[in-house]
Every structure is written in structure tokens, then in C-alpha cells.
Amino acid sequence: MRVVVDIPGQEMEVRGAAGDVVRRYRVSSARNGTGQVSGSFCTPLGRHVIRAKIGAGQPVNTVFVRRRPTGEIYTPALGEVFPGRDWILTRILWLSGCEPGFNRLGEVDTMRRFIYIHGSPDSVEMGRPGSIGCIRMRNGDLLELFDLVEAGTEVDIRG
């Protein structure tokens, strides 16, 4: 399996060993566009791997902060209480860059920037940039992806 994220199309493909498209999902990348530098709030480009899969067994809409479940389950009412919160829900696929000097090490390190593929509230629009760097997905799509991929799966983010 290999994952390809197309930033201009706001789409993700999961490809099999022969390169055939197994699944296709709408996503939402950074509203600031693409970029590698820490603090830019941009989605990093290039070759990555899934370094860690976080949240297996947690309920749908589990709220994560710093990769830990908070004990909260997201609801629209909770969203109204914390309107500015960047919701990371359901599962996390933590990405690590593979290209030293481009998306790995120093000020461009994807993993140290805490860039994830993660779930979002149902009200978040997919197919349009809106995150602060991560790749957002619908929770149902993320659950499916989480079961399809393993730690070490390649993720290519294209601009």
C-alpha cells in the first residue's frame, strides 16, 4: 500500500502494490498552502511515512490533544463551547518526512511539526484547504484508512 495526497485536488488515493487505486478520499489540507518550515502552518510536501498509528479502539469522535485522548467525545455542542479549537478526532496517523533538509530534520521536520492525518468534525468541509498543517479527513474515511495502512506505509504529498 501507498498513500498519495494531491493538494491541488484536495484528494487522497490509497494505491496497491501494482499502483492501482484501492480507495479515494476527499481531504482538507492547510489553509496557508504548502510549505516545510516549522511555524508556517502549511502542509509539508514530499515523501513521508506513517511513523505511528494512534487511537486504535477509541470511539468515533474521540478528542485528542498531544496525541492523547482527553476523555471527551466531540459533539456540535462541545464545538460551540470551544469554537477556536483545532479538533483532532477519532484516529491519528503521525507522519515523518523522508527527505533530509526538505521535510526531515531541523526547521523542516514533519514529525517535529506534529503533522498528522486525522479525523475532523462532520461540519468541517472537505475538498477545500482549512487545517493548520495537517491532512483532515471524515471520521468514517479515516477509520477505513487506519485499517488499510500500517506504520511504515509511504505517504507522498504532492503540491
C-alpha atoms as a PDB file:
ATOM      1  CA  MET A   1       0.000   0.000   0.000  1.00  0.00           C
ATOM      2  CA  ARG A   2       0.996   3.577  -0.664  1.00  0.00           C
ATOM      3  CA  VAL A   3      -0.877   6.818   0.039  1.00  0.00           C
ATOM      4  CA  VAL A   4      -0.782   9.782  -2.359  1.00  0.00           C
ATOM      5  CA  VAL A   5      -2.180  13.163  -1.292  1.00  0.00           C
ATOM      6  CA  ASP A   6      -2.943  15.604  -4.106  1.00  0.00           C
ATOM      7  CA  ILE A   7      -3.018  19.089  -2.543  1.00  0.00           C
ATOM      8  CA  PRO A   8      -4.454  20.985  -5.551  1.00  0.00           C
ATOM      9  CA  GLY A   9      -7.239  18.405  -5.880  1.00  0.00           C
ATOM     10  CA  GLN A  10      -7.724  18.054  -2.084  1.00  0.00           C
ATOM     11  CA  GLU A  11      -7.840  14.313  -2.613  1.00  0.00           C
ATOM     12  CA  MET A  12      -6.102  11.241  -1.237  1.00  0.00           C
ATOM     13  CA  GLU A  13      -5.582   7.949  -3.022  1.00  0.00           C
ATOM     14  CA  VAL A  14      -4.605   4.653  -1.461  1.00  0.00           C
ATOM     15  CA  ARG A  15      -2.737   2.598  -4.030  1.00  0.00           C
ATOM     16  CA  GLY A  16      -1.999  -1.094  -4.059  1.00  0.00           C
ATOM     17  CA  ALA A  17       1.350  -2.728  -4.806  1.00  0.00           C
ATOM     18  CA  ALA A  18       0.729  -2.524  -8.575  1.00  0.00           C
ATOM     19  CA  GLY A  19      -0.138   1.189  -8.336  1.00  0.00           C
ATOM     20  CA  ASP A  20      -3.871   0.596  -8.743  1.00  0.00           C
ATOM     21  CA  VAL A  21      -6.200   2.923  -6.806  1.00  0.00           C
ATOM     22  CA  VAL A  22      -7.787   0.967  -3.959  1.00  0.00           C
ATOM     23  CA  ARG A  23      -9.569   3.916  -2.265  1.00  0.00           C
ATOM     24  CA  ARG A  24     -10.056   7.621  -2.919  1.00  0.00           C
ATOM     25  CA  TYR A  25     -10.995  10.229  -0.294  1.00  0.00           C
ATOM     26  CA  ARG A  26     -11.695  13.969  -0.143  1.00  0.00           C
ATOM     27  CA  VAL A  27      -9.392  15.717   2.343  1.00  0.00           C
ATOM     28  CA  SER A  28      -8.635  19.180   3.685  1.00  0.00           C
ATOM     29  CA  SER A  29      -5.041  20.422   3.866  1.00  0.00           C
ATOM     30  CA  ALA A  30      -3.628  23.679   5.284  1.00  0.00           C
ATOM     31  CA  ARG A  31      -5.413  26.956   4.619  1.00  0.00           C
ATOM     32  CA  ASN A  32      -1.907  28.540   4.413  1.00  0.00           C
ATOM     33  CA  GLY A  33      -0.989  26.286   1.494  1.00  0.00           C
ATOM     34  CA  THR A  34       2.083  24.097   1.270  1.00  0.00           C
ATOM     35  CA  GLY A  35       5.412  24.620   2.971  1.00  0.00           C
ATOM     36  CA  GLN A  36       8.002  22.864   5.007  1.00  0.00           C
ATOM     37  CA  VAL A  37       9.088  25.315   7.720  1.00  0.00           C
ATOM     38  CA  SER A  38       8.103  24.924  11.358  1.00  0.00           C
ATOM     39  CA  GLY A  39       5.598  27.578  12.417  1.00  0.00           C
ATOM     40  CA  SER A  40       4.319  28.152   8.868  1.00  0.00           C
ATOM     41  CA  PHE A  41       1.036  26.281   9.476  1.00  0.00           C
ATOM     42  CA  CYS A  42       1.451  24.842   5.982  1.00  0.00           C
ATOM     43  CA  THR A  43       1.128  21.250   4.774  1.00  0.00           C
ATOM     44  CA  PRO A  44       4.567  19.775   4.013  1.00  0.00           C
ATOM     45  CA  LEU A  45       5.268  18.267   0.614  1.00  0.00           C
ATOM     46  CA  GLY A  46       7.320  15.249  -0.389  1.00  0.00           C
ATOM     47  CA  ARG A  47       7.892  11.674   0.664  1.00  0.00           C
ATOM     48  CA  HIS A  48       6.781  10.677   4.154  1.00  0.00           C
ATOM     49  CA  VAL A  49       5.994   7.521   6.101  1.00  0.00           C
ATOM     50  CA  ILE A  50       3.379   6.831   8.722  1.00  0.00           C
ATOM     51  CA  ARG A  51       5.557   6.797  11.833  1.00  0.00           C
ATOM     52  CA  ALA A  52       2.785   5.908  14.296  1.00  0.00           C
ATOM     53  CA  LYS A  53      -0.868   4.885  14.320  1.00  0.00           C
ATOM     54  CA  ILE A  54      -2.651   6.325  17.343  1.00  0.00           C
ATOM     55  CA  GLY A  55      -6.122   5.737  18.733  1.00  0.00           C
ATOM     56  CA  ALA A  56      -6.944   2.124  17.847  1.00  0.00           C
ATOM     57  CA  GLY A  57     -10.033   1.039  19.749  1.00  0.00           C
ATOM     58  CA  GLN A  58     -11.116   4.552  20.727  1.00  0.00           C
ATOM     59  CA  PRO A  59     -14.725   5.568  19.991  1.00  0.00           C
ATOM     60  CA  VAL A  60     -15.537   7.628  16.901  1.00  0.00           C
ATOM     61  CA  ASN A  61     -15.158  11.366  17.661  1.00  0.00           C
ATOM     62  CA  THR A  62     -12.680  10.782  20.500  1.00  0.00           C
ATOM     63  CA  VAL A  63     -10.912  14.104  21.084  1.00  0.00           C
ATOM     64  CA  PHE A  64      -7.088  14.026  21.092  1.00  0.00           C
ATOM     65  CA  VAL A  65      -4.717  16.638  22.460  1.00  0.00           C
ATOM     66  CA  ARG A  66      -0.981  15.999  22.073  1.00  0.00           C
ATOM     67  CA  ARG A  67      -1.845  12.545  20.707  1.00  0.00           C
ATOM     68  CA  ARG A  68      -3.654  11.549  23.912  1.00  0.00           C
ATOM     69  CA  PRO A  69      -7.405  11.007  24.277  1.00  0.00           C
ATOM     70  CA  THR A  70      -8.847  13.731  26.519  1.00  0.00           C
ATOM     71  CA  GLY A  71     -11.853  11.676  27.634  1.00  0.00           C
ATOM     72  CA  GLU A  72     -14.120  13.930  25.565  1.00  0.00           C
ATOM     73  CA  ILE A  73     -16.279  12.811  22.659  1.00  0.00           C
ATOM     74  CA  TYR A  74     -16.828  15.559  20.118  1.00  0.00           C
ATOM     75  CA  THR A  75     -20.381  16.828  19.660  1.00  0.00           C
ATOM     76  CA  PRO A  76     -21.601  20.024  17.971  1.00  0.00           C
ATOM     77  CA  ALA A  77     -22.415  21.331  21.463  1.00  0.00           C
ATOM     78  CA  LEU A  78     -18.799  20.791  22.567  1.00  0.00           C
ATOM     79  CA  GLY A  79     -17.693  22.537  19.379  1.00  0.00           C
ATOM     80  CA  GLU A  80     -19.786  25.574  20.341  1.00  0.00           C
ATOM     81  CA  VAL A  81     -18.144  25.704  23.775  1.00  0.00           C
ATOM     82  CA  PHE A  82     -14.653  25.738  22.177  1.00  0.00           C
ATOM     83  CA  PRO A  83     -15.163  27.471  18.796  1.00  0.00           C
ATOM     84  CA  GLY A  84     -11.468  28.149  18.088  1.00  0.00           C
ATOM     85  CA  ARG A  85     -10.160  24.696  18.949  1.00  0.00           C
ATOM     86  CA  ASP A  86      -8.361  22.683  16.255  1.00  0.00           C
ATOM     87  CA  TRP A  87     -10.214  19.383  16.601  1.00  0.00           C
ATOM     88  CA  ILE A  88      -8.175  16.201  16.187  1.00  0.00           C
ATOM     89  CA  LEU A  89     -10.632  13.328  16.304  1.00  0.00           C
ATOM     90  CA  THR A  90     -11.033   9.544  16.135  1.00  0.00           C
ATOM     91  CA  ARG A  91      -7.541   8.406  14.956  1.00  0.00           C
ATOM     92  CA  ILE A  92      -4.123   9.879  14.201  1.00  0.00           C
ATOM     93  CA  LEU A  93      -1.615   8.801  11.564  1.00  0.00           C
ATOM     94  CA  TRP A  94       1.568  10.673  12.545  1.00  0.00           C
ATOM     95  CA  LEU A  95       3.766  11.476   9.549  1.00  0.00           C
ATOM     96  CA  SER A  96       7.562  11.590   9.352  1.00  0.00           C
ATOM     97  CA  GLY A  97       9.455  13.106   6.427  1.00  0.00           C
ATOM     98  CA  CYS A  98      11.932  11.010   4.442  1.00  0.00           C
ATOM     99  CA  GLU A  99      13.938  13.770   2.728  1.00  0.00           C
ATOM    100  CA  PRO A 100      16.684  15.312   4.914  1.00  0.00           C
ATOM    101  CA  GLY A 101      16.792  19.088   4.562  1.00  0.00           C
ATOM    102  CA  PHE A 102      13.406  19.161   2.818  1.00  0.00           C
ATOM    103  CA  ASN A 103      10.902  17.552   5.216  1.00  0.00           C
ATOM    104  CA  ARG A 104      13.182  15.879   7.753  1.00  0.00           C
ATOM    105  CA  LEU A 105      15.485  17.327  10.431  1.00  0.00           C
ATOM    106  CA  GLY A 106      15.990  20.922  11.506  1.00  0.00           C
ATOM    107  CA  GLU A 107      13.308  23.540  10.889  1.00  0.00           C
ATOM    108  CA  VAL A 108      11.573  21.423   8.234  1.00  0.00           C
ATOM    109  CA  ASP A 109      10.971  18.218  10.204  1.00  0.00           C
ATOM    110  CA  THR A 110       7.427  16.986   9.543  1.00  0.00           C
ATOM    111  CA  MET A 111       7.337  14.778  12.628  1.00  0.00           C
ATOM    112  CA  ARG A 112       8.575  17.529  14.967  1.00  0.00           C
ATOM    113  CA  ARG A 113       5.920  19.794  13.419  1.00  0.00           C
ATOM    114  CA  PHE A 114       3.307  17.251  14.565  1.00  0.00           C
ATOM    115  CA  ILE A 115       1.790  16.795  11.106  1.00  0.00           C
ATOM    116  CA  TYR A 116      -0.926  14.141  11.105  1.00  0.00           C
ATOM    117  CA  ILE A 117      -3.650  12.636   9.023  1.00  0.00           C
ATOM    118  CA  HIS A 118      -6.595  12.856  11.425  1.00  0.00           C
ATOM    119  CA  GLY A 119     -10.356  12.931  11.774  1.00  0.00           C
ATOM    120  CA  SER A 120     -12.479  16.077  11.937  1.00  0.00           C
ATOM    121  CA  PRO A 121     -15.972  17.166  12.963  1.00  0.00           C
ATOM    122  CA  ASP A 122     -18.620  16.336  10.361  1.00  0.00           C
ATOM    123  CA  SER A 123     -19.203  20.072   9.900  1.00  0.00           C
ATOM    124  CA  VAL A 124     -15.662  20.600   8.547  1.00  0.00           C
ATOM    125  CA  GLU A 125     -15.700  20.977   4.777  1.00  0.00           C
ATOM    126  CA  MET A 126     -13.597  18.503   2.813  1.00  0.00           C
ATOM    127  CA  GLY A 127     -12.219  19.304  -0.644  1.00  0.00           C
ATOM    128  CA  ARG A 128     -11.091  22.748   0.494  1.00  0.00           C
ATOM    129  CA  PRO A 129      -7.988  23.837   2.464  1.00  0.00           C
ATOM    130  CA  GLY A 130      -8.771  24.655   6.089  1.00  0.00           C
ATOM    131  CA  SER A 131      -6.345  22.990   8.521  1.00  0.00           C
ATOM    132  CA  ILE A 132      -3.289  24.429  10.254  1.00  0.00           C
ATOM    133  CA  GLY A 133      -0.947  21.977   8.521  1.00  0.00           C
ATOM    134  CA  CYS A 134      -2.400  18.500   8.918  1.00  0.00           C
ATOM    135  CA  ILE A 135      -4.454  16.465   6.468  1.00  0.00           C
ATOM    136  CA  ARG A 136      -8.038  16.309   7.730  1.00  0.00           C
ATOM    137  CA  MET A 137     -10.457  13.525   6.826  1.00  0.00           C
ATOM    138  CA  ARG A 138     -14.024  12.473   7.540  1.00  0.00           C
ATOM    139  CA  ASN A 139     -14.039  10.132  10.542  1.00  0.00           C
ATOM    140  CA  GLY A 140     -15.557   7.216   8.621  1.00  0.00           C
ATOM    141  CA  ASP A 141     -12.952   7.577   5.872  1.00  0.00           C
ATOM    142  CA  LEU A 142     -10.157   7.775   8.438  1.00  0.00           C
ATOM    143  CA  LEU A 143     -11.338   4.613  10.184  1.00  0.00           C
ATOM    144  CA  GLU A 144     -11.219   2.796   6.844  1.00  0.00           C
ATOM    145  CA  LEU A 145      -7.758   4.196   6.036  1.00  0.00           C
ATOM    146  CA  PHE A 146      -6.472   3.350   9.523  1.00  0.00           C
ATOM    147  CA  ASP A 147      -7.359  -0.309   8.927  1.00  0.00           C
ATOM    148  CA  LEU A 148      -5.811  -0.344   5.424  1.00  0.00           C
ATOM    149  CA  VAL A 149      -2.361   1.007   6.297  1.00  0.00           C
ATOM    150  CA  GLU A 150       0.428   0.049   8.663  1.00  0.00           C
ATOM    151  CA  ALA A 151       3.148   2.056  10.375  1.00  0.00           C
ATOM    152  CA  GLY A 152       5.846   2.494   7.733  1.00  0.00           C
ATOM    153  CA  THR A 153       3.380   2.989   4.862  1.00  0.00           C
ATOM    154  CA  GLU A 154       4.663   5.552   2.351  1.00  0.00           C
ATOM    155  CA  VAL A 155       2.732   8.820   2.057  1.00  0.00           C
ATOM    156  CA  ASP A 156       3.563  11.088  -0.858  1.00  0.00           C
ATOM    157  CA  ILE A 157       2.190  14.638  -0.529  1.00  0.00           C
ATOM    158  CA  ARG A 158       2.159  16.410  -3.896  1.00  0.00           C
ATOM    159  CA  GLY A 159       1.663  20.136  -4.451  1.00  0.00           C
END
